[in-house]
Amino acid sequence: NRGDLTAGSMVRAYLAGPRNDDERRSLAVGTDSAGGYTVPTPLAREFIDLLRTLTRVIQAGAQTVSMPSQTLTMAKLLTDVVPTYRGELGAVSEDQPTLGEVALSANSLADVIRVSRELLHDSGNIDSSIDTTIANAFSIEVDRAALFGSGTSNEPTGLVNTAGVQTTDMAVNGAALAGYGEVLSHHQALSDANVNLDGVASLMAPRTQFALAALTATDNQPLMAPEPWASVRKLPTTAVPVNQDQGTANDASSIITGDFRDLYIGMRQELQVQRLNERYADTLEVGFLASMRYDIAITRPASFSILRGITP
């Protein structure tokens, strides 16, 4: 029974040695004589589950799809069909949606973490710390890449840099939130594109979340959010920056709203952790390598709207 084992406890065992028979047996399963140890599949799933739990775009509805090879092609909806009316015995007009392709190509995301042997042996919470450190770092980066990835320097192309995504500006040089007018305009763009508003979610920086919460009416009471914006799921994430350029402003941020079921995360290799043998032995440290391979695809860009230029 290995019910008490966690991915973090196994990483600690790889680095500092097993503390019990369960860890010793699991350690033997993960041996890799070429380079170290890899977390066994059942325990690796804990990292994967934690990553999914912390990743905001997944919480918002983004779907994951397995990539059986380095690349994967998916259909991209460019225009919808337009049905027409007909009379009795009249010919049925022909129409078809305009489809394009979006190609996923696995990008490699990795990091090496160094830990002193003294900390590994002496810390009482090293297991949970390892889990949390890896999952937090990778989830924030997946969010950042899914939203703002440049498509260059071996990183995915995110929503902001995808053609066809709708945009609304606060002002030429940015502006602070004083009410819900621009927020509603940004939200209306989705309705105008026939997006089902029941399924949308909104991602924003924590600064923006609290700025909305701090809005007040003329009687200094909290300003109630109007529908349909009030019903939108709002997910704060530090993956949305607060130092964007908007005209002369360099402290702007954005709100990204949409049906995230039209955002796909292609997984070629889910999160893996491997010990690096001997690499830092001369400083009495141990290291482990966390890595994953994935890409981002937007199959209907019109399903997303960005409100840009939100300043403090």
Protein backbone atom coordinates (compact mmCIF):
# COMPACT_ATOMS: atom_id res chain seq x y z
CA ASN A 1 0.00 0.00 0.00
CA ARG A 2 1.58 3.27 -1.16
CA GLY A 3 -1.30 5.53 -0.26
CA ASP A 4 0.93 7.73 1.92
CA LEU A 5 3.39 8.44 -0.90
CA THR A 6 3.30 11.72 -2.81
CA ALA A 7 5.29 12.96 -5.77
CA GLY A 8 7.08 15.35 -3.44
CA SER A 9 8.03 12.62 -1.00
CA MET A 10 9.41 10.54 -3.86
CA VAL A 11 11.51 13.43 -5.16
CA ARG A 12 12.88 13.88 -1.64
CA ALA A 13 13.61 10.16 -1.54
CA TYR A 14 15.47 10.37 -4.85
CA LEU A 15 17.55 13.22 -3.54
CA ALA A 16 18.14 12.26 0.09
CA GLY A 17 17.38 8.56 0.17
CA PRO A 18 14.26 6.54 1.12
CA ARG A 19 12.89 6.74 4.66
CA ASN A 20 10.71 3.61 4.59
CA ASP A 21 9.99 0.43 2.63
CA ASP A 22 7.29 2.05 0.49
CA GLU A 23 9.67 4.75 -0.70
CA ARG A 24 12.42 2.16 -1.22
CA ARG A 25 10.19 -0.03 -3.43
CA SER A 26 8.94 2.92 -5.47
CA LEU A 27 12.48 4.19 -5.83
CA ALA A 28 13.54 0.93 -7.44
CA VAL A 29 10.72 1.19 -10.00
CA GLY A 30 11.90 4.61 -11.17
CA THR A 31 15.61 3.84 -11.65
CA ASP A 32 17.23 5.23 -14.80
CA SER A 33 20.89 4.25 -14.97
CA ALA A 34 21.54 6.70 -17.81
CA GLY A 35 20.77 9.86 -15.91
CA GLY A 36 18.98 9.45 -12.62
CA TYR A 37 15.44 8.73 -11.49
CA THR A 38 12.09 9.62 -13.04
CA VAL A 39 8.94 9.85 -10.93
CA PRO A 40 6.87 6.65 -11.47
CA THR A 41 3.67 7.17 -13.49
CA PRO A 42 1.13 6.81 -10.62
CA LEU A 43 2.94 9.46 -8.57
CA ALA A 44 3.66 11.68 -11.57
CA ARG A 45 -0.09 12.01 -11.99
CA GLU A 46 -0.14 13.94 -8.72
CA PHE A 47 2.04 16.62 -10.29
CA ILE A 48 -0.20 16.62 -13.37
CA ASP A 49 -3.39 16.88 -11.31
CA LEU A 50 -1.92 19.69 -9.23
CA LEU A 51 -0.81 21.50 -12.38
CA ARG A 52 -4.33 21.27 -13.80
CA THR A 53 -5.85 22.49 -10.54
CA LEU A 54 -3.66 25.60 -10.46
CA THR A 55 -3.75 26.53 -14.16
CA ARG A 56 -6.33 29.28 -14.63
CA VAL A 57 -6.98 28.72 -18.35
CA ILE A 58 -7.93 25.13 -17.54
CA GLN A 59 -10.21 26.32 -14.73
CA ALA A 60 -11.76 28.68 -17.28
CA GLY A 61 -12.56 25.76 -19.58
CA ALA A 62 -9.50 25.19 -21.79
CA GLN A 63 -9.32 21.64 -23.11
CA THR A 64 -6.30 19.38 -23.26
CA VAL A 65 -5.62 17.09 -26.17
CA SER A 66 -2.92 14.45 -26.49
CA MET A 67 -0.28 14.96 -29.18
CA PRO A 68 0.78 11.54 -30.51
CA SER A 69 3.77 13.12 -32.27
CA GLN A 70 5.76 16.36 -32.37
CA THR A 71 3.01 18.07 -34.38
CA LEU A 72 -0.78 17.95 -34.54
CA THR A 73 -3.14 19.75 -36.92
CA MET A 74 -6.58 20.90 -35.78
CA ALA A 75 -9.44 22.58 -37.64
CA LYS A 76 -9.94 26.30 -37.09
CA LEU A 77 -13.35 27.87 -37.73
CA LEU A 78 -12.99 31.07 -39.76
CA THR A 79 -16.61 31.80 -40.74
CA ASP A 80 -19.95 30.21 -39.81
CA VAL A 81 -22.54 28.80 -42.22
CA VAL A 82 -25.46 31.05 -43.22
CA PRO A 83 -28.74 29.16 -43.80
CA THR A 84 -31.39 30.70 -46.11
CA TYR A 85 -35.14 30.27 -46.47
CA ARG A 86 -36.72 28.48 -49.45
CA GLY A 87 -40.15 28.02 -50.92
CA GLU A 88 -41.90 24.74 -51.65
CA LEU A 89 -39.98 22.78 -54.30
CA GLY A 90 -37.35 25.51 -54.32
CA ALA A 91 -33.70 24.64 -54.51
CA VAL A 92 -31.73 24.57 -51.27
CA SER A 93 -28.90 27.05 -51.26
CA GLU A 94 -25.45 25.65 -50.72
CA ASP A 95 -23.16 26.93 -48.03
CA GLN A 96 -20.25 25.66 -46.05
CA PRO A 97 -18.20 26.99 -43.18
CA THR A 98 -14.80 28.41 -43.93
CA LEU A 99 -12.27 26.25 -42.18
CA GLY A 100 -8.59 26.74 -41.73
CA GLU A 101 -5.87 24.85 -39.95
CA VAL A 102 -4.01 25.51 -36.75
CA ALA A 103 -0.86 23.49 -36.26
CA LEU A 104 0.40 22.52 -32.82
CA SER A 105 4.11 21.92 -32.46
CA ALA A 106 5.36 20.80 -29.06
CA ASN A 107 7.41 23.41 -27.20
CA SER A 108 9.76 22.30 -24.43
CA LEU A 109 9.35 23.99 -21.02
CA ALA A 110 11.87 23.00 -18.38
CA ASP A 111 13.68 24.11 -15.25
CA VAL A 112 16.43 22.80 -12.99
CA ILE A 113 15.93 23.24 -9.25
CA ARG A 114 18.90 23.04 -6.86
CA VAL A 115 18.47 22.10 -3.21
CA SER A 116 21.14 21.74 -0.52
CA ARG A 117 21.53 18.32 1.04
CA GLU A 118 21.25 19.89 4.49
CA LEU A 119 17.81 21.33 3.66
CA LEU A 120 16.64 18.01 2.23
CA HIS A 121 17.60 16.15 5.37
CA ASP A 122 16.56 18.76 7.94
CA SER A 123 13.38 20.36 6.55
CA GLY A 124 10.12 18.96 7.85
CA ASN A 125 8.02 20.22 4.93
CA ILE A 126 10.31 19.62 1.96
CA ASP A 127 7.80 17.17 0.40
CA SER A 128 4.97 19.69 0.08
CA SER A 129 7.40 22.47 -0.81
CA ILE A 130 8.70 20.54 -3.80
CA ASP A 131 5.18 19.79 -5.04
CA THR A 132 4.05 23.38 -4.62
CA THR A 133 7.16 24.97 -6.13
CA ILE A 134 7.02 22.93 -9.32
CA ALA A 135 3.25 23.10 -9.82
CA ASN A 136 3.03 26.85 -9.14
CA ALA A 137 5.88 27.74 -11.46
CA PHE A 138 4.68 25.61 -14.36
CA SER A 139 0.99 26.53 -14.02
CA ILE A 140 1.76 30.27 -14.08
CA GLU A 141 3.94 29.85 -17.15
CA VAL A 142 1.32 27.78 -18.99
CA ASP A 143 -1.21 30.53 -18.22
CA ARG A 144 1.18 33.24 -19.41
CA ALA A 145 2.00 31.41 -22.63
CA ALA A 146 -1.66 30.55 -23.34
CA LEU A 147 -2.61 34.22 -22.94
CA PHE A 148 0.47 36.19 -24.01
CA GLY A 149 2.88 33.74 -25.67
CA SER A 150 4.80 35.41 -28.49
CA GLY A 151 5.07 32.42 -30.81
CA THR A 152 8.82 33.07 -31.02
CA SER A 153 11.87 31.93 -29.03
CA ASN A 154 10.44 28.39 -28.75
CA GLU A 155 7.26 29.44 -26.90
CA PRO A 156 3.60 28.97 -27.93
CA THR A 157 1.47 31.66 -29.57
CA GLY A 158 -1.02 32.95 -27.02
CA LEU A 159 -4.46 34.50 -27.31
CA VAL A 160 -3.24 38.10 -27.42
CA ASN A 161 -1.08 37.37 -30.45
CA THR A 162 -3.67 35.32 -32.35
CA ALA A 163 -5.29 36.98 -35.36
CA GLY A 164 -9.05 37.38 -35.10
CA VAL A 165 -9.28 37.84 -31.34
CA GLN A 166 -11.44 40.89 -30.58
CA THR A 167 -10.01 43.89 -28.74
CA THR A 168 -11.37 46.96 -26.94
CA ASP A 169 -9.17 49.79 -25.62
CA MET A 170 -9.81 51.74 -22.44
CA ALA A 171 -8.24 54.78 -24.12
CA VAL A 172 -5.38 55.62 -26.47
CA ASN A 173 -3.02 56.06 -23.52
CA GLY A 174 -4.89 53.76 -21.16
CA ALA A 175 -7.24 54.70 -18.34
CA ALA A 176 -8.23 53.57 -14.88
CA LEU A 177 -11.51 51.74 -14.32
CA ALA A 178 -14.14 54.26 -13.22
CA GLY A 179 -17.21 52.16 -14.00
CA TYR A 180 -18.36 49.23 -16.08
CA GLY A 181 -18.82 50.98 -19.43
CA GLU A 182 -15.67 49.70 -21.18
CA VAL A 183 -16.00 46.32 -19.47
CA LEU A 184 -19.50 45.92 -20.91
CA SER A 185 -18.35 47.00 -24.39
CA HIS A 186 -15.61 44.43 -24.26
CA HIS A 187 -18.13 41.82 -23.11
CA GLN A 188 -20.67 42.79 -25.77
CA ALA A 189 -18.13 42.00 -28.49
CA LEU A 190 -18.57 38.34 -27.58
CA SER A 191 -22.35 38.52 -27.85
CA ASP A 192 -22.01 40.24 -31.23
CA ALA A 193 -19.88 37.27 -32.36
CA ASN A 194 -22.64 34.80 -31.30
CA VAL A 195 -20.63 33.47 -28.36
CA ASN A 196 -22.75 31.71 -25.73
CA LEU A 197 -22.23 33.98 -22.74
CA ASP A 198 -23.26 31.24 -20.31
CA GLY A 199 -19.93 29.52 -20.86
CA VAL A 200 -17.50 32.43 -20.75
CA ALA A 201 -14.91 33.21 -18.11
CA SER A 202 -12.67 36.19 -17.54
CA LEU A 203 -8.99 36.26 -16.56
CA MET A 204 -7.35 39.35 -15.12
CA ALA A 205 -4.51 40.53 -12.89
CA PRO A 206 -5.26 40.62 -9.15
CA ARG A 207 -4.81 44.41 -9.34
CA THR A 208 -7.71 44.61 -11.80
CA GLN A 209 -9.89 42.30 -9.72
CA PHE A 210 -9.52 44.55 -6.68
CA ALA A 211 -9.96 47.72 -8.76
CA LEU A 212 -13.35 46.40 -9.89
CA ALA A 213 -14.26 45.47 -6.33
CA ALA A 214 -13.34 48.98 -5.16
CA LEU A 215 -15.67 50.80 -7.57
CA THR A 216 -18.20 52.91 -5.70
CA ALA A 217 -21.46 54.64 -6.60
CA THR A 218 -22.26 58.31 -5.94
CA ASP A 219 -23.35 57.42 -2.38
CA ASN A 220 -19.93 55.83 -1.75
CA GLN A 221 -21.50 52.38 -1.57
CA PRO A 222 -19.99 49.50 -3.62
CA LEU A 223 -20.95 49.76 -7.28
CA MET A 224 -22.90 46.65 -8.21
CA ALA A 225 -21.76 44.94 -11.39
CA PRO A 226 -24.47 44.91 -14.09
CA GLU A 227 -25.61 41.84 -15.93
CA PRO A 228 -24.44 39.98 -17.89
CA TRP A 229 -20.99 40.86 -16.55
CA ALA A 230 -21.98 40.10 -12.96
CA SER A 231 -22.50 36.41 -13.81
CA VAL A 232 -19.14 35.92 -15.52
CA ARG A 233 -16.63 33.73 -13.69
CA LYS A 234 -13.67 35.97 -12.84
CA LEU A 235 -10.29 34.32 -12.26
CA PRO A 236 -7.32 36.40 -11.08
CA THR A 237 -3.83 35.36 -12.15
CA THR A 238 -0.41 36.95 -11.96
CA ALA A 239 0.16 35.59 -15.47
CA VAL A 240 -1.65 38.74 -16.66
CA PRO A 241 1.00 41.49 -16.40
CA VAL A 242 0.50 45.01 -15.02
CA ASN A 243 3.35 46.61 -16.97
CA GLN A 244 1.96 46.55 -20.50
CA ASP A 245 2.44 49.46 -22.89
CA GLN A 246 -0.67 51.38 -23.99
CA GLY A 247 0.24 54.59 -25.78
CA THR A 248 2.30 56.60 -23.30
CA ALA A 249 1.37 54.32 -20.39
CA ASN A 250 3.70 51.55 -19.34
CA ASP A 251 1.70 50.28 -16.34
CA ALA A 252 -1.37 48.96 -18.14
CA SER A 253 -3.07 45.59 -17.84
CA SER A 254 -5.83 43.64 -19.60
CA ILE A 255 -8.97 41.62 -19.05
CA ILE A 256 -9.33 38.55 -21.26
CA THR A 257 -12.82 37.12 -21.54
CA GLY A 258 -14.12 34.31 -23.70
CA ASP A 259 -15.27 30.76 -24.17
CA PHE A 260 -12.09 28.96 -23.18
CA ARG A 261 -13.42 25.69 -24.55
CA ASP A 262 -12.07 27.03 -27.85
CA LEU A 263 -8.55 27.09 -26.41
CA TYR A 264 -6.67 23.79 -26.60
CA ILE A 265 -3.53 22.73 -24.77
CA GLY A 266 -1.80 20.08 -26.84
CA MET A 267 0.22 17.79 -24.56
CA ARG A 268 3.10 15.88 -26.07
CA GLN A 269 4.72 15.22 -22.68
CA GLU A 270 2.99 16.02 -19.41
CA LEU A 271 4.97 17.30 -16.46
CA GLN A 272 7.85 14.99 -15.52
CA VAL A 273 10.47 15.24 -12.78
CA GLN A 274 13.92 13.65 -12.91
CA ARG A 275 16.86 13.67 -10.52
CA LEU A 276 20.19 14.91 -11.91
CA ASN A 277 22.92 12.66 -10.56
CA GLU A 278 26.21 14.16 -9.42
CA ARG A 279 25.72 17.48 -11.22
CA TYR A 280 26.04 19.62 -8.09
CA ALA A 281 27.94 17.18 -5.88
CA ASP A 282 30.88 19.57 -5.47
CA THR A 283 28.66 22.07 -3.63
CA LEU A 284 26.78 19.41 -1.65
CA GLU A 285 23.60 20.19 -3.54
CA VAL A 286 21.26 17.98 -5.52
CA GLY A 287 19.23 19.01 -8.50
CA PHE A 288 16.16 17.83 -10.28
CA LEU A 289 14.82 18.57 -13.71
CA ALA A 290 11.13 19.36 -14.25
CA SER A 291 9.96 19.41 -17.86
CA MET A 292 6.94 19.24 -20.12
CA ARG A 293 6.23 19.61 -23.87
CA TYR A 294 3.07 21.27 -25.09
CA ASP A 295 1.55 23.86 -27.41
CA ILE A 296 -1.48 26.16 -27.53
CA ALA A 297 -4.17 26.32 -30.23
CA ILE A 298 -7.10 28.74 -30.59
CA THR A 299 -9.76 27.11 -32.76
CA ARG A 300 -12.21 30.06 -32.83
CA PRO A 301 -10.47 33.41 -32.19
CA ALA A 302 -13.79 35.32 -32.24
CA SER A 303 -14.73 33.49 -29.02
CA PHE A 304 -12.36 35.80 -27.11
CA SER A 305 -12.32 39.50 -26.31
CA ILE A 306 -9.53 41.56 -24.74
CA LEU A 307 -9.98 44.83 -22.85
CA ARG A 308 -6.61 46.60 -23.06
CA GLY A 309 -5.05 49.58 -21.35
CA ILE A 310 -6.31 49.30 -17.76
CA THR A 311 -4.08 51.56 -15.66
CA PRO A 312 -4.01 51.94 -11.85
